[in-house]
Amino acid sequence: MKDFRKLIVWQQAHALTLAVYADTRSFPKEETYGLTSQMRRCSASVAANIAEGCGRQGNAEFHRFLLIASGSASELDYHLLLARDLKLLRQEQYAKLFQTLSELRRRLTALISKVEQDRTFAASATS
């Protein structure tokens, strides 16, 4: 079992989730169950899936949860774009969130690749 709090990628995901919550506070009330909820859930899902994967046994399960986190990051990418285009996020807010998300996705992709390599190496070492 790994301590997810020590992973920089989780720390970035958590910080991004806090920023998304802060920036969606100003969204219109009619978006509470729409875009506000969607953005908050998919941003929290990134960090939550990294954490859950760390609590699982073995790299295969960790890898699977990292892929789910990556999917949630892609979903957030679209929701940020939509919020900007609907003028719910100012361009400056969007740019900052997008930059943070892009860096997070690069780190997440690198971690997925590393875990994938470790799984491949472990599988070849046992055969």
Protein backbone atom coordinates (compact mmCIF):
# COMPACT_ATOMS: atom_id res chain seq x y z
CA MET A 1 0.00 0.00 0.00
CA LYS A 2 1.36 3.41 -1.03
CA ASP A 3 0.75 6.71 0.74
CA PHE A 4 -1.06 8.78 -1.88
CA ARG A 5 -0.33 12.01 0.02
CA LYS A 6 3.35 11.69 -0.92
CA LEU A 7 2.66 11.61 -4.66
CA ILE A 8 3.16 14.98 -6.36
CA VAL A 9 0.51 14.03 -8.91
CA TRP A 10 -2.05 13.53 -6.12
CA GLN A 11 -1.02 16.82 -4.47
CA GLN A 12 -1.58 18.62 -7.78
CA ALA A 13 -4.92 16.89 -8.29
CA HIS A 14 -6.06 17.90 -4.81
CA ALA A 15 -4.95 21.51 -5.33
CA LEU A 16 -6.77 21.59 -8.68
CA THR A 17 -9.94 20.28 -7.04
CA LEU A 18 -9.78 23.03 -4.42
CA ALA A 19 -9.33 25.62 -7.21
CA VAL A 20 -12.26 24.21 -9.19
CA TYR A 21 -14.48 24.40 -6.10
CA ALA A 22 -13.42 28.01 -5.51
CA ASP A 23 -13.92 29.08 -9.13
CA THR A 24 -17.31 27.41 -9.49
CA ARG A 25 -18.75 29.20 -6.43
CA SER A 26 -19.62 32.13 -8.68
CA PHE A 27 -21.49 30.02 -11.25
CA PRO A 28 -25.21 30.74 -11.60
CA LYS A 29 -27.57 28.91 -9.28
CA GLU A 30 -29.19 27.08 -12.23
CA GLU A 31 -25.82 25.37 -12.86
CA THR A 32 -25.66 23.88 -9.34
CA TYR A 33 -26.79 20.45 -10.55
CA GLY A 34 -25.32 20.88 -14.01
CA LEU A 35 -21.87 22.14 -14.88
CA THR A 36 -20.89 23.10 -11.32
CA SER A 37 -21.56 19.58 -10.08
CA GLN A 38 -19.92 17.95 -13.10
CA MET A 39 -16.73 19.99 -12.79
CA ARG A 40 -16.45 19.38 -9.07
CA ARG A 41 -17.10 15.65 -9.37
CA CYS A 42 -14.65 14.96 -12.18
CA SER A 43 -11.90 17.07 -10.58
CA ALA A 44 -12.37 15.26 -7.26
CA SER A 45 -12.47 11.96 -9.13
CA VAL A 46 -8.90 12.46 -10.37
CA ALA A 47 -7.50 12.73 -6.84
CA ALA A 48 -9.86 10.10 -5.44
CA ASN A 49 -8.89 7.49 -8.03
CA ILE A 50 -5.18 8.10 -7.46
CA ALA A 51 -5.80 7.64 -3.72
CA GLU A 52 -7.92 4.53 -4.22
CA GLY A 53 -5.34 3.00 -6.54
CA CYS A 54 -2.66 3.52 -3.90
CA GLY A 55 -4.78 1.58 -1.43
CA ARG A 56 -5.10 -1.45 -3.70
CA GLN A 57 -2.85 -4.46 -3.91
CA GLY A 58 -0.37 -4.59 -6.77
CA ASN A 59 0.52 -2.45 -9.72
CA ALA A 60 -2.19 -3.87 -11.98
CA GLU A 61 -4.96 -2.34 -9.86
CA PHE A 62 -2.97 0.85 -9.29
CA HIS A 63 -2.57 1.13 -13.08
CA ARG A 64 -6.31 0.66 -13.63
CA PHE A 65 -7.21 3.44 -11.19
CA LEU A 66 -4.63 5.76 -12.74
CA LEU A 67 -6.30 5.22 -16.12
CA ILE A 68 -9.67 6.09 -14.58
CA ALA A 69 -8.11 9.25 -13.08
CA SER A 70 -6.79 10.13 -16.53
CA GLY A 71 -10.27 9.78 -18.00
CA SER A 72 -11.66 12.11 -15.34
CA ALA A 73 -8.91 14.63 -16.16
CA SER A 74 -9.98 14.53 -19.83
CA GLU A 75 -13.58 15.11 -18.77
CA LEU A 76 -12.51 18.12 -16.69
CA ASP A 77 -10.58 19.47 -19.67
CA TYR A 78 -13.80 19.62 -21.67
CA HIS A 79 -15.86 21.06 -18.82
CA LEU A 80 -13.32 23.86 -18.34
CA LEU A 81 -13.55 24.70 -22.03
CA LEU A 82 -17.35 24.67 -21.90
CA ALA A 83 -17.41 26.90 -18.81
CA ARG A 84 -15.09 29.36 -20.53
CA ASP A 85 -17.15 29.39 -23.73
CA LEU A 86 -20.34 29.92 -21.73
CA LYS A 87 -18.56 32.83 -20.02
CA LEU A 88 -18.93 31.21 -16.61
CA LEU A 89 -15.14 31.31 -16.22
CA ARG A 90 -13.12 34.39 -17.08
CA GLN A 91 -10.24 33.82 -19.51
CA GLU A 92 -7.70 34.27 -16.68
CA GLN A 93 -9.45 31.67 -14.52
CA TYR A 94 -9.64 29.25 -17.43
CA ALA A 95 -5.97 29.75 -18.34
CA LYS A 96 -4.80 29.10 -14.78
CA LEU A 97 -6.98 25.99 -14.34
CA PHE A 98 -6.05 24.69 -17.80
CA GLN A 99 -2.33 25.15 -17.14
CA THR A 100 -2.60 23.31 -13.83
CA LEU A 101 -4.62 20.54 -15.45
CA SER A 102 -2.13 20.21 -18.32
CA GLU A 103 0.78 19.81 -15.92
CA LEU A 104 -1.21 17.31 -13.87
CA ARG A 105 -2.04 15.28 -16.98
CA ARG A 106 1.66 15.17 -17.99
CA ARG A 107 2.61 13.86 -14.55
CA LEU A 108 -0.25 11.38 -14.55
CA THR A 109 0.74 10.10 -18.01
CA ALA A 110 4.33 9.70 -16.84
CA LEU A 111 3.21 7.79 -13.74
CA ILE A 112 0.95 5.54 -15.83
CA SER A 113 3.91 4.76 -18.12
CA LYS A 114 6.18 4.01 -15.15
CA VAL A 115 3.64 1.70 -13.52
CA GLU A 116 3.06 0.02 -16.90
CA GLN A 117 6.82 -0.57 -17.30
CA ASP A 118 7.08 -1.93 -13.76
CA ARG A 119 4.18 -4.32 -14.48
CA THR A 120 5.80 -5.49 -17.72
CA PHE A 121 9.16 -5.99 -16.01
CA ALA A 122 7.58 -7.91 -13.10
CA ALA A 123 5.62 -10.13 -15.50
CA SER A 124 8.72 -10.95 -17.58
CA ALA A 125 10.80 -11.61 -14.47
CA THR A 126 8.34 -14.24 -13.23
CA SER A 127 8.03 -16.11 -16.52
